[in-house]
Amino acid sequence: MSEESKKSLAPHFIIGAIILAVALAVLLWPSEPERIIVTPVPIVIEPTVEPVIDAQPTTLIPETLIEQPEPDIIAEPQPLDISDGTVKTKLLALSDYNEFARLLINEALLERFVIMTIALAEENIADNNRVLIQPEQSFRTYKQANKEWIDPASYKRYAPYVDVLESLETASLLQLYQEYKPAIENIFSEIGNPFDSFDQKLEEAIDILLDTPEVPSPVEVFTDSVMYKFADKRLESLSAPQKQLLRTGPENMRRIKAKLREIKETL
C-alpha cells in the first residue's frame, strides 16, 4: 500500500456497512405472529328417510363414464439463489439512485455484509470486506496557523454514498431480508461466535455508530508519516468505526445518524 493510501481516511468502508446494516436493522426485529381464530361450525343432523321400493322392474342403464380432472401438481420450492448477480440486482431495485450500481461491489455481498457487521459490533473495520468501492477523489487537508485541517472538500466525496443510504425504502428491505435471512444466518453460524446472534451484533453496531460525537468543522489532524490522526485526543480515542463515521463530515454524519434513528424508531 502506498504512503498516500495509508494516509487517506476512508469512511466509505463504514458507509458501506451502514447501508446494509440499516437495510437489515428493520428486518431483524422479530414480528409478533398473527393469531388464527377458529370459528366452530354447527353440525346439522339430517332426518333418516326410509327407502321407497318400486314394485315395477327397473331397466339397467349403463353407467356413463365421467372424465376425472387431473390432480393439481404442486411445484417444489426452488432453491434460494444467493449468487452475487441476483443479490446485487435485488439490492439495486431498492433504490432509485443510479450511482448505487457503480458503487456496489460485485462479489460475495452476503458474506461481506456479515463480516462487516461483526467487525462494526466489535469496534473494528473490515477493510478487505468492503461492500462499496472507494471514492475516486483523494483525501485533502490544508494548513493554516501552523496547523493542518481536514479540507471540507473531502466531505463531498462521501455524499453519493449517503444518498444511497437515504434512498433505501424500508418495506422493500423487509421483504428482501425475509428472502435471504436463512443464508445470512447460515454465514453467521460459520464465522460468528456461537454464543452470539446476528440480531445482537447488528444492534450493537448501530448503537456504536449513534454514540459517535458530533464535531463542528474545521477538524484538526496531523500525520505521523503513516496515516492521519485527530489532533484532539478525545476524538483519536474513539473506536475505529466512530472515527470513520466522524471523517465523513458534520453534514454527512448528521444524515447517516438521522437514518439510523429513523430505523430504531420504526423498530
Protein backbone atom coordinates (compact mmCIF):
# COMPACT_ATOMS: atom_id res chain seq x y z
CA MET A 1 0.00 0.00 0.00
CA SER A 2 1.40 3.42 -0.92
CA GLU A 3 2.10 6.08 1.67
CA GLU A 4 -0.69 8.25 0.23
CA SER A 5 -3.16 5.37 0.54
CA LYS A 6 -2.16 4.75 4.13
CA LYS A 7 -2.69 8.39 4.97
CA SER A 8 -6.10 8.53 3.36
CA LEU A 9 -9.09 8.47 5.68
CA ALA A 10 -11.66 6.19 4.03
CA PRO A 11 -15.09 6.38 5.67
CA HIS A 12 -16.64 4.67 2.65
CA PHE A 13 -15.85 1.40 4.45
CA ILE A 14 -18.13 2.35 7.30
CA ILE A 15 -20.78 3.81 4.99
CA GLY A 16 -20.87 0.57 3.07
CA ALA A 17 -21.50 -1.37 6.24
CA ILE A 18 -24.08 1.18 7.38
CA ILE A 19 -26.01 0.86 4.12
CA LEU A 20 -26.51 -2.85 4.60
CA ALA A 21 -26.74 -2.66 8.37
CA VAL A 22 -29.54 -0.14 8.07
CA ALA A 23 -31.08 -2.30 5.40
CA LEU A 24 -31.36 -5.16 7.85
CA ALA A 25 -31.94 -3.23 11.06
CA VAL A 26 -35.66 -3.21 10.47
CA LEU A 27 -35.63 -6.67 9.11
CA LEU A 28 -34.10 -8.49 12.04
CA TRP A 29 -36.68 -7.28 14.54
CA PRO A 30 -38.92 -10.26 15.41
CA SER A 31 -42.54 -9.71 14.46
CA GLU A 32 -45.46 -10.92 16.54
CA PRO A 33 -47.12 -13.98 14.95
CA GLU A 34 -50.66 -13.49 13.74
CA ARG A 35 -53.46 -15.11 15.71
CA ILE A 36 -55.61 -17.64 13.89
CA ILE A 37 -59.21 -17.53 15.11
CA VAL A 38 -61.17 -20.74 14.50
CA THR A 39 -64.94 -20.34 14.36
CA PRO A 40 -66.86 -23.55 15.29
CA VAL A 41 -69.13 -24.83 12.52
CA PRO A 42 -72.55 -26.16 13.75
CA ILE A 43 -73.28 -29.80 12.93
CA VAL A 44 -76.66 -30.36 11.21
CA ILE A 45 -78.19 -33.86 11.57
CA GLU A 46 -80.40 -34.80 8.64
CA PRO A 47 -83.54 -36.91 9.43
CA THR A 48 -83.47 -40.53 8.32
CA VAL A 49 -85.57 -41.22 5.22
CA GLU A 50 -86.91 -44.74 4.60
CA PRO A 51 -86.16 -46.02 1.09
CA VAL A 52 -89.15 -46.39 -1.26
CA ILE A 53 -89.35 -49.76 -3.04
CA ASP A 54 -90.72 -49.54 -6.57
CA ALA A 55 -92.72 -52.64 -7.48
CA GLN A 56 -92.10 -52.09 -11.20
CA PRO A 57 -88.99 -53.68 -12.66
CA THR A 58 -86.25 -51.22 -13.40
CA THR A 59 -84.17 -51.03 -16.54
CA LEU A 60 -80.44 -51.02 -16.01
CA ILE A 61 -78.80 -48.06 -17.70
CA PRO A 62 -75.12 -48.38 -18.37
CA GLU A 63 -73.07 -46.08 -16.20
CA THR A 64 -71.82 -43.03 -18.02
CA LEU A 65 -68.09 -42.59 -17.97
CA ILE A 66 -67.20 -39.34 -16.24
CA GLU A 67 -63.82 -37.86 -17.06
CA GLN A 68 -61.94 -37.14 -13.84
CA PRO A 69 -59.92 -33.91 -13.64
CA GLU A 70 -56.16 -34.19 -13.50
CA PRO A 71 -54.79 -33.77 -9.95
CA ASP A 72 -53.10 -30.46 -9.24
CA ILE A 73 -49.33 -30.66 -9.43
CA ILE A 74 -47.64 -28.76 -6.60
CA ALA A 75 -44.35 -27.31 -7.75
CA GLU A 76 -41.41 -27.95 -5.47
CA PRO A 77 -39.86 -24.79 -3.94
CA GLN A 78 -36.90 -23.53 -5.91
CA PRO A 79 -33.54 -23.27 -4.06
CA LEU A 80 -32.62 -19.78 -2.90
CA ASP A 81 -30.47 -18.00 -5.46
CA ILE A 82 -27.63 -16.41 -3.47
CA SER A 83 -25.46 -15.68 -6.50
CA ASP A 84 -23.81 -12.26 -6.48
CA GLY A 85 -25.58 -11.20 -9.65
CA THR A 86 -29.02 -11.92 -8.22
CA VAL A 87 -28.27 -10.36 -4.81
CA LYS A 88 -26.90 -7.21 -6.44
CA THR A 89 -29.87 -6.94 -8.81
CA LYS A 90 -32.32 -7.15 -5.92
CA LEU A 91 -30.36 -4.63 -3.85
CA LEU A 92 -30.28 -2.17 -6.73
CA ALA A 93 -34.04 -2.49 -7.11
CA LEU A 94 -34.44 -1.00 -3.61
CA SER A 95 -33.10 2.40 -4.67
CA ASP A 96 -33.81 4.82 -7.49
CA TYR A 97 -30.32 6.25 -7.12
CA ASN A 98 -28.42 5.39 -10.32
CA GLU A 99 -24.99 5.63 -8.71
CA PHE A 100 -25.77 2.64 -6.48
CA ALA A 101 -24.86 0.22 -9.29
CA ARG A 102 -21.46 1.83 -9.74
CA LEU A 103 -20.65 1.92 -6.03
CA LEU A 104 -21.66 -1.62 -5.11
CA ILE A 105 -19.04 -4.37 -5.05
CA ASN A 106 -19.80 -7.30 -7.36
CA GLU A 107 -18.72 -10.33 -5.34
CA ALA A 108 -19.56 -12.10 -2.06
CA LEU A 109 -22.06 -9.44 -0.98
CA LEU A 110 -23.80 -11.52 1.70
CA GLU A 111 -20.50 -12.71 3.20
CA ARG A 112 -19.08 -9.17 3.14
CA PHE A 113 -22.17 -7.82 4.87
CA VAL A 114 -22.00 -10.37 7.69
CA ILE A 115 -18.26 -9.84 8.21
CA MET A 116 -18.59 -6.04 8.21
CA THR A 117 -21.48 -6.14 10.67
CA ILE A 118 -19.49 -8.34 13.06
CA ALA A 119 -16.48 -6.03 12.74
CA LEU A 120 -18.58 -2.94 13.46
CA ALA A 121 -20.11 -4.52 16.56
CA GLU A 122 -16.62 -5.35 17.79
CA GLU A 123 -15.48 -1.76 17.07
CA ASN A 124 -13.26 -2.73 14.18
CA ILE A 125 -13.17 -2.06 10.42
CA ALA A 126 -13.11 -4.91 7.89
CA ASP A 127 -11.05 -3.16 5.20
CA ASN A 128 -10.80 -6.23 2.99
CA ASN A 129 -14.54 -6.88 3.06
CA ARG A 130 -15.98 -3.56 1.94
CA VAL A 131 -19.29 -3.67 0.07
CA LEU A 132 -18.73 -0.36 -1.75
CA ILE A 133 -15.89 0.84 -3.92
CA GLN A 134 -13.53 3.54 -2.70
CA PRO A 135 -14.14 7.20 -3.53
CA GLU A 136 -12.35 8.39 -6.63
CA GLN A 137 -11.32 11.71 -5.07
CA SER A 138 -8.35 11.74 -2.71
CA PHE A 139 -8.34 12.90 0.90
CA ARG A 140 -7.34 16.54 1.25
CA THR A 141 -6.11 18.81 4.00
CA TYR A 142 -4.98 22.42 4.22
CA LYS A 143 -2.61 24.25 6.53
CA GLN A 144 -3.39 27.39 8.47
CA ALA A 145 -1.77 28.95 11.51
CA ASN A 146 0.89 26.22 11.55
CA LYS A 147 -1.80 23.56 11.90
CA GLU A 148 -3.30 21.05 9.47
CA TRP A 149 -7.06 20.74 8.99
CA ILE A 150 -9.40 18.48 7.02
CA ASP A 151 -10.44 20.23 3.82
CA PRO A 152 -14.28 20.43 3.69
CA ALA A 153 -14.00 19.40 0.02
CA SER A 154 -13.05 15.93 1.27
CA TYR A 155 -16.50 15.51 2.79
CA LYS A 156 -18.20 15.96 -0.57
CA ARG A 157 -16.78 12.70 -1.93
CA TYR A 158 -18.96 10.77 0.52
CA ALA A 159 -22.23 12.44 -0.49
CA PRO A 160 -23.12 9.79 -3.13
CA TYR A 161 -22.79 7.04 -0.53
CA VAL A 162 -25.07 8.85 1.87
CA ASP A 163 -27.56 9.50 -0.95
CA VAL A 164 -27.76 5.74 -1.49
CA LEU A 165 -28.34 5.17 2.21
CA GLU A 166 -31.22 7.66 2.31
CA SER A 167 -32.80 6.25 -0.83
CA LEU A 168 -33.33 2.74 0.58
CA GLU A 169 -37.00 2.02 1.27
CA THR A 170 -37.85 0.14 4.47
CA ALA A 171 -40.78 -2.04 3.37
CA SER A 172 -38.88 -3.41 0.38
CA LEU A 173 -35.88 -4.10 2.58
CA LEU A 174 -38.05 -6.16 4.89
CA GLN A 175 -39.25 -8.30 2.01
CA LEU A 176 -35.70 -8.80 0.73
CA TYR A 177 -34.36 -9.77 4.14
CA GLN A 178 -37.08 -12.35 4.67
CA GLU A 179 -35.89 -13.96 1.46
CA TYR A 180 -32.20 -14.02 2.35
CA LYS A 181 -32.37 -14.42 6.12
CA PRO A 182 -31.62 -18.19 6.06
CA ALA A 183 -28.47 -17.59 4.00
CA ILE A 184 -27.32 -14.74 6.26
CA GLU A 185 -27.84 -16.77 9.41
CA ASN A 186 -26.01 -19.70 7.85
CA ILE A 187 -22.99 -17.49 7.06
CA PHE A 188 -23.03 -16.02 10.56
CA SER A 189 -23.12 -19.51 12.14
CA GLU A 190 -19.89 -20.36 10.32
CA ILE A 191 -17.86 -17.26 11.20
CA GLY A 192 -19.55 -15.71 14.26
CA ASN A 193 -19.39 -16.54 17.95
CA PRO A 194 -21.77 -19.45 18.63
CA PHE A 195 -22.94 -17.70 21.80
CA ASP A 196 -23.97 -14.55 19.89
CA SER A 197 -26.80 -13.86 17.49
CA PHE A 198 -26.68 -11.82 14.31
CA ASP A 199 -29.57 -9.71 15.61
CA GLN A 200 -27.49 -8.79 18.64
CA LYS A 201 -24.42 -7.94 16.56
CA LEU A 202 -26.42 -5.69 14.28
CA GLU A 203 -27.98 -3.82 17.18
CA GLU A 204 -24.57 -3.32 18.79
CA ALA A 205 -23.13 -2.00 15.52
CA ILE A 206 -25.89 0.60 15.13
CA ASP A 207 -25.60 1.74 18.76
CA ILE A 208 -21.85 2.23 18.40
CA LEU A 209 -22.36 4.48 15.38
CA LEU A 210 -25.09 6.50 17.07
CA ASP A 211 -22.76 7.15 20.01
CA THR A 212 -20.27 8.96 17.77
CA PRO A 213 -19.87 12.56 18.99
CA GLU A 214 -20.70 15.40 16.62
CA VAL A 215 -17.82 17.78 15.98
CA PRO A 216 -18.04 21.10 14.08
CA SER A 217 -15.63 21.99 11.28
CA PRO A 218 -12.81 22.56 10.86
CA VAL A 219 -11.22 19.42 12.35
CA GLU A 220 -7.54 19.47 13.10
CA VAL A 221 -5.41 16.48 12.10
CA PHE A 222 -1.73 15.58 11.94
CA THR A 223 0.32 12.89 10.23
CA ASP A 224 2.88 10.59 11.78
CA SER A 225 4.21 9.68 8.28
CA VAL A 226 1.93 6.62 8.20
CA MET A 227 -1.60 7.96 8.47
CA TYR A 228 -3.59 10.98 9.52
CA LYS A 229 -4.80 11.19 13.10
CA PHE A 230 -7.07 13.57 15.00
CA ALA A 231 -5.24 16.20 16.98
CA ASP A 232 -7.95 16.10 19.64
CA LYS A 233 -7.04 13.13 21.87
CA ARG A 234 -10.70 12.63 22.75
CA LEU A 235 -11.54 12.07 19.10
CA GLU A 236 -8.48 9.94 18.45
CA SER A 237 -9.51 7.65 21.34
CA LEU A 238 -12.83 6.80 19.69
CA SER A 239 -13.38 3.35 18.20
CA ALA A 240 -12.35 2.75 14.60
CA PRO A 241 -15.96 2.77 13.27
CA GLN A 242 -16.73 6.01 15.11
CA LYS A 243 -13.63 7.72 13.73
CA GLN A 244 -14.55 6.59 10.23
CA LEU A 245 -18.05 7.98 10.60
CA LEU A 246 -16.68 11.23 12.00
CA ARG A 247 -14.46 11.61 8.93
CA THR A 248 -17.48 11.78 6.62
CA GLY A 249 -18.02 15.36 7.84
CA PRO A 250 -20.68 17.01 10.03
CA GLU A 251 -23.47 17.12 7.43
CA ASN A 252 -23.00 13.58 6.12
CA MET A 253 -22.79 12.22 9.64
CA ARG A 254 -25.99 14.05 10.58
CA ARG A 255 -27.81 12.46 7.63
CA ILE A 256 -26.45 8.99 8.45
CA LYS A 257 -27.44 9.27 12.11
CA ALA A 258 -30.89 10.54 11.17
CA LYS A 259 -31.42 7.43 9.07
CA LEU A 260 -30.23 5.18 11.87
CA ARG A 261 -32.55 6.87 14.37
CA GLU A 262 -35.43 6.58 11.93
CA ILE A 263 -34.85 2.85 11.74
CA LYS A 264 -34.67 2.47 15.51
CA GLU A 265 -37.85 4.45 15.99
CA THR A 266 -39.56 2.24 13.43
CA LEU A 267 -38.48 -0.80 15.38
